[in-house]
Amino acid sequence: MKTELSHRDQGADFGLLKPKRYWMINDEDLGFLANFIGIFVFVLVIAYHYIMTDPKYEGI
Protein backbone atom coordinates (compact mmCIF):
# COMPACT_ATOMS: atom_id res chain seq x y z
CA MET A 1 0.00 0.00 0.00
CA LYS A 2 1.65 3.22 -1.20
CA THR A 3 0.67 6.50 0.41
CA GLU A 4 0.68 9.82 -1.41
CA LEU A 5 3.03 12.44 -0.02
CA SER A 6 1.88 16.01 0.36
CA HIS A 7 3.87 18.83 -1.23
CA ARG A 8 5.51 19.55 2.14
CA ASP A 9 6.72 16.00 2.49
CA GLN A 10 8.19 16.07 -1.01
CA GLY A 11 10.49 18.97 -0.16
CA ALA A 12 8.71 21.66 -2.17
CA ASP A 13 9.17 24.31 0.51
CA PHE A 14 11.28 26.56 -1.73
CA GLY A 15 13.92 26.92 0.97
CA LEU A 16 11.58 28.45 3.53
CA LEU A 17 11.51 25.51 5.93
CA LYS A 18 15.01 24.18 5.41
CA PRO A 19 17.52 24.75 8.20
CA LYS A 20 19.85 27.64 7.52
CA ARG A 21 23.57 27.03 7.37
CA TYR A 22 25.61 29.58 9.25
CA TRP A 23 29.21 30.34 8.37
CA MET A 24 31.81 32.28 10.24
CA ILE A 25 32.98 35.55 8.73
CA ASN A 26 36.70 35.56 8.06
CA ASP A 27 39.17 38.28 9.04
CA GLU A 28 39.34 39.83 5.58
CA ASP A 29 35.57 40.21 5.28
CA LEU A 30 35.33 41.55 8.82
CA GLY A 31 38.01 44.15 8.07
CA PHE A 32 36.24 45.21 4.89
CA LEU A 33 32.91 45.50 6.71
CA ALA A 34 34.43 47.53 9.54
CA ASN A 35 36.15 49.90 7.09
CA PHE A 36 33.00 50.28 5.00
CA ILE A 37 30.84 51.10 8.03
CA GLY A 38 33.47 53.53 9.32
CA ILE A 39 33.72 55.36 6.00
CA PHE A 40 29.92 55.46 5.69
CA VAL A 41 29.51 56.97 9.18
CA PHE A 42 32.30 59.46 8.46
CA VAL A 43 30.54 60.58 5.26
CA LEU A 44 27.26 60.94 7.16
CA VAL A 45 28.94 63.13 9.80
CA ILE A 46 30.52 65.32 7.12
CA ALA A 47 27.18 65.63 5.29
CA TYR A 48 25.43 66.53 8.55
CA HIS A 49 27.94 69.27 9.35
CA TYR A 50 27.85 70.54 5.77
CA ILE A 51 24.06 70.85 5.89
CA MET A 52 24.01 72.44 9.35
CA THR A 53 26.54 75.15 8.43
CA ASP A 54 24.69 76.08 5.23
CA PRO A 55 23.36 79.63 5.74
CA LYS A 56 20.30 78.89 3.58
CA TYR A 57 19.29 75.96 5.79
CA GLU A 58 16.46 76.81 8.18
CA GLY A 59 16.21 74.22 10.90
CA ILE A 60 13.03 73.17 12.58
PDB file of N, CA and C in Angstrom:
ATOM      1  N   MET A   1       0.838  -1.166   0.000  1.00  0.00           N
ATOM      2  CA  MET A   1       0.000   0.000   0.000  1.00  0.00           C
ATOM      3  C   MET A   1       0.896   1.247   0.000  1.00  0.00           C
ATOM      4  N   LYS A   2       0.822   2.025  -1.055  1.00  0.00           N
ATOM      5  CA  LYS A   2       1.647   3.219  -1.201  1.00  0.00           C
ATOM      6  C   LYS A   2       0.823   4.447  -0.832  1.00  0.00           C
ATOM      7  N   THR A   3       1.384   5.292   0.008  1.00  0.00           N
ATOM      8  CA  THR A   3       0.668   6.504   0.405  1.00  0.00           C
ATOM      9  C   THR A   3       1.194   7.686  -0.389  1.00  0.00           C
ATOM     10  N   GLU A   4       0.307   8.608  -0.680  1.00  0.00           N
ATOM     11  CA  GLU A   4       0.681   9.820  -1.406  1.00  0.00           C
ATOM     12  C   GLU A   4       1.306  10.819  -0.432  1.00  0.00           C
ATOM     13  N   LEU A   5       2.370  11.441  -0.849  1.00  0.00           N
ATOM     14  CA  LEU A   5       3.026  12.441  -0.020  1.00  0.00           C
ATOM     15  C   LEU A   5       2.499  13.828  -0.374  1.00  0.00           C
ATOM     16  N   SER A   6       2.316  14.639   0.628  1.00  0.00           N
ATOM     17  CA  SER A   6       1.882  16.007   0.359  1.00  0.00           C
ATOM     18  C   SER A   6       3.065  16.804  -0.200  1.00  0.00           C
ATOM     19  N   HIS A   7       2.793  18.008  -0.665  1.00  0.00           N
ATOM     20  CA  HIS A   7       3.871  18.827  -1.233  1.00  0.00           C
ATOM     21  C   HIS A   7       4.901  19.204  -0.176  1.00  0.00           C
ATOM     22  N   ARG A   8       4.524  19.269   1.095  1.00  0.00           N
ATOM     23  CA  ARG A   8       5.509  19.549   2.141  1.00  0.00           C
ATOM     24  C   ARG A   8       6.436  18.369   2.359  1.00  0.00           C
ATOM     25  N   ASP A   9       5.900  17.193   2.280  1.00  0.00           N
ATOM     26  CA  ASP A   9       6.715  16.005   2.487  1.00  0.00           C
ATOM     27  C   ASP A   9       7.657  15.744   1.317  1.00  0.00           C
ATOM     28  N   GLN A  10       7.348  16.289   0.160  1.00  0.00           N
ATOM     29  CA  GLN A  10       8.190  16.075  -1.011  1.00  0.00           C
ATOM     30  C   GLN A  10       9.341  17.077  -1.076  1.00  0.00           C
ATOM     31  N   GLY A  11       9.383  18.019  -0.172  1.00  0.00           N
ATOM     32  CA  GLY A  11      10.485  18.974  -0.157  1.00  0.00           C
ATOM     33  C   GLY A  11      10.257  20.188  -1.026  1.00  0.00           C
ATOM     34  N   ALA A  12       9.006  20.500  -1.336  1.00  0.00           N
ATOM     35  CA  ALA A  12       8.708  21.661  -2.168  1.00  0.00           C
ATOM     36  C   ALA A  12       8.457  22.884  -1.298  1.00  0.00           C
ATOM     37  N   ASP A  13       9.359  23.171  -0.384  1.00  0.00           N
ATOM     38  CA  ASP A  13       9.173  24.309   0.513  1.00  0.00           C
ATOM     39  C   ASP A  13       9.921  25.546   0.025  1.00  0.00           C
ATOM     40  N   PHE A  14      10.577  25.449  -1.109  1.00  0.00           N
ATOM     41  CA  PHE A  14      11.280  26.563  -1.734  1.00  0.00           C
ATOM     42  C   PHE A  14      12.297  27.202  -0.796  1.00  0.00           C
ATOM     43  N   GLY A  15      12.883  26.435   0.082  1.00  0.00           N
ATOM     44  CA  GLY A  15      13.917  26.924   0.968  1.00  0.00           C
ATOM     45  C   GLY A  15      13.415  27.642   2.202  1.00  0.00           C
ATOM     46  N   LEU A  16      12.107  27.713   2.391  1.00  0.00           N
ATOM     47  CA  LEU A  16      11.580  28.450   3.534  1.00  0.00           C
ATOM     48  C   LEU A  16      11.646  27.650   4.826  1.00  0.00           C
ATOM     49  N   LEU A  17      11.542  26.334   4.727  1.00  0.00           N
ATOM     50  CA  LEU A  17      11.508  25.514   5.929  1.00  0.00           C
ATOM     51  C   LEU A  17      12.805  24.751   6.159  1.00  0.00           C
ATOM     52  N   LYS A  18      13.749  24.902   5.259  1.00  0.00           N
ATOM     53  CA  LYS A  18      15.014  24.184   5.410  1.00  0.00           C
ATOM     54  C   LYS A  18      15.873  24.867   6.470  1.00  0.00           C
ATOM     55  N   PRO A  19      16.651  24.106   7.209  1.00  0.00           N
ATOM     56  CA  PRO A  19      17.517  24.751   8.203  1.00  0.00           C
ATOM     57  C   PRO A  19      18.586  25.601   7.522  1.00  0.00           C
ATOM     58  N   LYS A  20      18.849  26.741   8.100  1.00  0.00           N
ATOM     59  CA  LYS A  20      19.850  27.641   7.522  1.00  0.00           C
ATOM     60  C   LYS A  20      21.245  27.205   7.957  1.00  0.00           C
ATOM     61  N   ARG A  21      22.177  27.338   7.062  1.00  0.00           N
ATOM     62  CA  ARG A  21      23.568  27.026   7.374  1.00  0.00           C
ATOM     63  C   ARG A  21      24.287  28.323   7.683  1.00  0.00           C
ATOM     64  N   TYR A  22      24.883  28.384   8.838  1.00  0.00           N
ATOM     65  CA  TYR A  22      25.607  29.576   9.245  1.00  0.00           C
ATOM     66  C   TYR A  22      27.090  29.370   9.000  1.00  0.00           C
ATOM     67  N   TRP A  23      27.779  30.421   8.591  1.00  0.00           N
ATOM     68  CA  TRP A  23      29.209  30.342   8.373  1.00  0.00           C
ATOM     69  C   TRP A  23      29.861  31.499   9.109  1.00  0.00           C
ATOM     70  N   MET A  24      31.071  31.269   9.490  1.00  0.00           N
ATOM     71  CA  MET A  24      31.807  32.275  10.244  1.00  0.00           C
ATOM     72  C   MET A  24      32.464  33.255   9.276  1.00  0.00           C
ATOM     73  N   ILE A  25      32.364  34.533   9.583  1.00  0.00           N
ATOM     74  CA  ILE A  25      32.975  35.549   8.733  1.00  0.00           C
ATOM     75  C   ILE A  25      34.488  35.522   8.968  1.00  0.00           C
ATOM     76  N   ASN A  26      35.243  35.613   7.883  1.00  0.00           N
ATOM     77  CA  ASN A  26      36.701  35.558   8.057  1.00  0.00           C
ATOM     78  C   ASN A  26      37.263  36.953   8.330  1.00  0.00           C
ATOM     79  N   ASP A  27      38.541  37.022   8.637  1.00  0.00           N
ATOM     80  CA  ASP A  27      39.172  38.284   9.036  1.00  0.00           C
ATOM     81  C   ASP A  27      39.140  39.328   7.926  1.00  0.00           C
ATOM     82  N   GLU A  28      39.320  38.887   6.693  1.00  0.00           N
ATOM     83  CA  GLU A  28      39.343  39.827   5.576  1.00  0.00           C
ATOM     84  C   GLU A  28      37.974  40.465   5.370  1.00  0.00           C
ATOM     85  N   ASP A  29      36.916  39.667   5.428  1.00  0.00           N
ATOM     86  CA  ASP A  29      35.567  40.207   5.275  1.00  0.00           C
ATOM     87  C   ASP A  29      35.194  41.105   6.446  1.00  0.00           C
ATOM     88  N   LEU A  30      35.606  40.735   7.643  1.00  0.00           N
ATOM     89  CA  LEU A  30      35.326  41.554   8.817  1.00  0.00           C
ATOM     90  C   LEU A  30      36.040  42.899   8.727  1.00  0.00           C
ATOM     91  N   GLY A  31      37.276  42.901   8.255  1.00  0.00           N
ATOM     92  CA  GLY A  31      38.007  44.149   8.074  1.00  0.00           C
ATOM     93  C   GLY A  31      37.358  45.040   7.033  1.00  0.00           C
ATOM     94  N   PHE A  32      36.920  44.440   5.925  1.00  0.00           N
ATOM     95  CA  PHE A  32      36.235  45.211   4.886  1.00  0.00           C
ATOM     96  C   PHE A  32      34.942  45.809   5.425  1.00  0.00           C
ATOM     97  N   LEU A  33      34.172  45.017   6.157  1.00  0.00           N
ATOM     98  CA  LEU A  33      32.910  45.497   6.708  1.00  0.00           C
ATOM     99  C   LEU A  33      33.140  46.635   7.703  1.00  0.00           C
ATOM    100  N   ALA A  34      34.130  46.484   8.564  1.00  0.00           N
ATOM    101  CA  ALA A  34      34.427  47.533   9.544  1.00  0.00           C
ATOM    102  C   ALA A  34      34.865  48.819   8.849  1.00  0.00           C
ATOM    103  N   ASN A  35      35.709  48.712   7.831  1.00  0.00           N
ATOM    104  CA  ASN A  35      36.150  49.900   7.092  1.00  0.00           C
ATOM    105  C   ASN A  35      34.999  50.550   6.345  1.00  0.00           C
ATOM    106  N   PHE A  36      34.137  49.743   5.743  1.00  0.00           N
ATOM    107  CA  PHE A  36      32.996  50.276   4.997  1.00  0.00           C
ATOM    108  C   PHE A  36      32.047  51.022   5.926  1.00  0.00           C
ATOM    109  N   ILE A  37      31.742  50.435   7.078  1.00  0.00           N
ATOM    110  CA  ILE A  37      30.844  51.095   8.028  1.00  0.00           C
ATOM    111  C   ILE A  37      31.486  52.375   8.563  1.00  0.00           C
ATOM    112  N   GLY A  38      32.784  52.336   8.837  1.00  0.00           N
ATOM    113  CA  GLY A  38      33.475  53.529   9.322  1.00  0.00           C
ATOM    114  C   GLY A  38      33.463  54.653   8.308  1.00  0.00           C
ATOM    115  N   ILE A  39      33.727  54.338   7.054  1.00  0.00           N
ATOM    116  CA  ILE A  39      33.715  55.355   6.000  1.00  0.00           C
ATOM    117  C   ILE A  39      32.311  55.910   5.812  1.00  0.00           C
ATOM    118  N   PHE A  40      31.310  55.030   5.856  1.00  0.00           N
ATOM    119  CA  PHE A  40      29.924  55.456   5.689  1.00  0.00           C
ATOM    120  C   PHE A  40      29.507  56.418   6.809  1.00  0.00           C
ATOM    121  N   VAL A  41      29.847  56.097   8.044  1.00  0.00           N
ATOM    122  CA  VAL A  41      29.513  56.970   9.175  1.00  0.00           C
ATOM    123  C   VAL A  41      30.266  58.292   9.051  1.00  0.00           C
ATOM    124  N   PHE A  42      31.512  58.241   8.638  1.00  0.00           N
ATOM    125  CA  PHE A  42      32.303  59.459   8.464  1.00  0.00           C
ATOM    126  C   PHE A  42      31.668  60.371   7.416  1.00  0.00           C
ATOM    127  N   VAL A  43      31.208  59.792   6.308  1.00  0.00           N
ATOM    128  CA  VAL A  43      30.545  60.578   5.262  1.00  0.00           C
ATOM    129  C   VAL A  43      29.237  61.168   5.787  1.00  0.00           C
ATOM    130  N   LEU A  44      28.495  60.403   6.587  1.00  0.00           N
ATOM    131  CA  LEU A  44      27.262  60.937   7.162  1.00  0.00           C
ATOM    132  C   LEU A  44      27.539  62.117   8.093  1.00  0.00           C
ATOM    133  N   VAL A  45      28.588  62.031   8.890  1.00  0.00           N
ATOM    134  CA  VAL A  45      28.938  63.129   9.800  1.00  0.00           C
ATOM    135  C   VAL A  45      29.335  64.367   9.003  1.00  0.00           C
ATOM    136  N   ILE A  46      30.123  64.185   7.960  1.00  0.00           N
ATOM    137  CA  ILE A  46      30.520  65.321   7.119  1.00  0.00           C
ATOM    138  C   ILE A  46      29.296  65.940   6.449  1.00  0.00           C
ATOM    139  N   ALA A  47      28.396  65.109   5.931  1.00  0.00           N
ATOM    140  CA  ALA A  47      27.183  65.626   5.295  1.00  0.00           C
ATOM    141  C   ALA A  47      26.320  66.378   6.300  1.00  0.00           C
ATOM    142  N   TYR A  48      26.206  65.854   7.507  1.00  0.00           N
ATOM    143  CA  TYR A  48      25.428  66.530   8.551  1.00  0.00           C
ATOM    144  C   TYR A  48      26.003  67.911   8.854  1.00  0.00           C
ATOM    145  N   HIS A  49      27.313  67.991   9.040  1.00  0.00           N
ATOM    146  CA  HIS A  49      27.941  69.274   9.350  1.00  0.00           C
ATOM    147  C   HIS A  49      27.871  70.229   8.161  1.00  0.00           C
ATOM    148  N   TYR A  50      27.957  69.704   6.962  1.00  0.00           N
ATOM    149  CA  TYR A  50      27.848  70.542   5.769  1.00  0.00           C
ATOM    150  C   TYR A  50      26.454  71.154   5.676  1.00  0.00           C
ATOM    151  N   ILE A  51      25.431  70.355   5.956  1.00  0.00           N
ATOM    152  CA  ILE A  51      24.055  70.854   5.890  1.00  0.00           C
ATOM    153  C   ILE A  51      23.788  71.845   7.017  1.00  0.00           C
ATOM    154  N   MET A  52      24.283  71.571   8.205  1.00  0.00           N
ATOM    155  CA  MET A  52      24.011  72.443   9.350  1.00  0.00           C
ATOM    156  C   MET A  52      24.720  73.792   9.249  1.00  0.00           C
ATOM    157  N   THR A  53      25.833  73.865   8.557  1.00  0.00           N
ATOM    158  CA  THR A  53      26.539  75.146   8.432  1.00  0.00           C
ATOM    159  C   THR A  53      26.102  75.930   7.200  1.00  0.00           C
ATOM    160  N   ASP A  54      25.187  75.383   6.419  1.00  0.00           N
ATOM    161  CA  ASP A  54      24.689  76.077   5.234  1.00  0.00           C
ATOM    162  C   ASP A  54      23.816  77.249   5.687  1.00  0.00           C
ATOM    163  N   PRO A  55      24.142  78.473   5.275  1.00  0.00           N
ATOM    164  CA  PRO A  55      23.357  79.626   5.740  1.00  0.00           C
ATOM    165  C   PRO A  55      21.918  79.614   5.222  1.00  0.00           C
ATOM    166  N   LYS A  56      21.653  78.943   4.122  1.00  0.00           N
ATOM    167  CA  LYS A  56      20.295  78.890   3.581  1.00  0.00           C
ATOM    168  C   LYS A  56      19.421  77.864   4.297  1.00  0.00           C
ATOM    169  N   TYR A  57      20.049  77.004   5.110  1.00  0.00           N
ATOM    170  CA  TYR A  57      19.289  75.959   5.795  1.00  0.00           C
ATOM    171  C   TYR A  57      18.571  76.557   6.992  1.00  0.00           C
ATOM    172  N   GLU A  58      17.253  76.354   7.045  1.00  0.00           N
ATOM    173  CA  GLU A  58      16.464  76.815   8.179  1.00  0.00           C
ATOM    174  C   GLU A  58      15.996  75.590   8.946  1.00  0.00           C
ATOM    175  N   GLY A  59      16.568  75.388  10.089  1.00  0.00           N
ATOM    176  CA  GLY A  59      16.214  74.225  10.900  1.00  0.00           C
ATOM    177  C   GLY A  59      14.800  74.311  11.435  1.00  0.00           C
ATOM    178  N   ILE A  60      14.394  73.253  12.044  1.00  0.00           N
ATOM    179  CA  ILE A  60      13.027  73.168  12.580  1.00  0.00           C
ATOM    180  C   ILE A  60      12.880  74.072  13.779  1.00  0.00           C
TER     181      ILE A  60
END
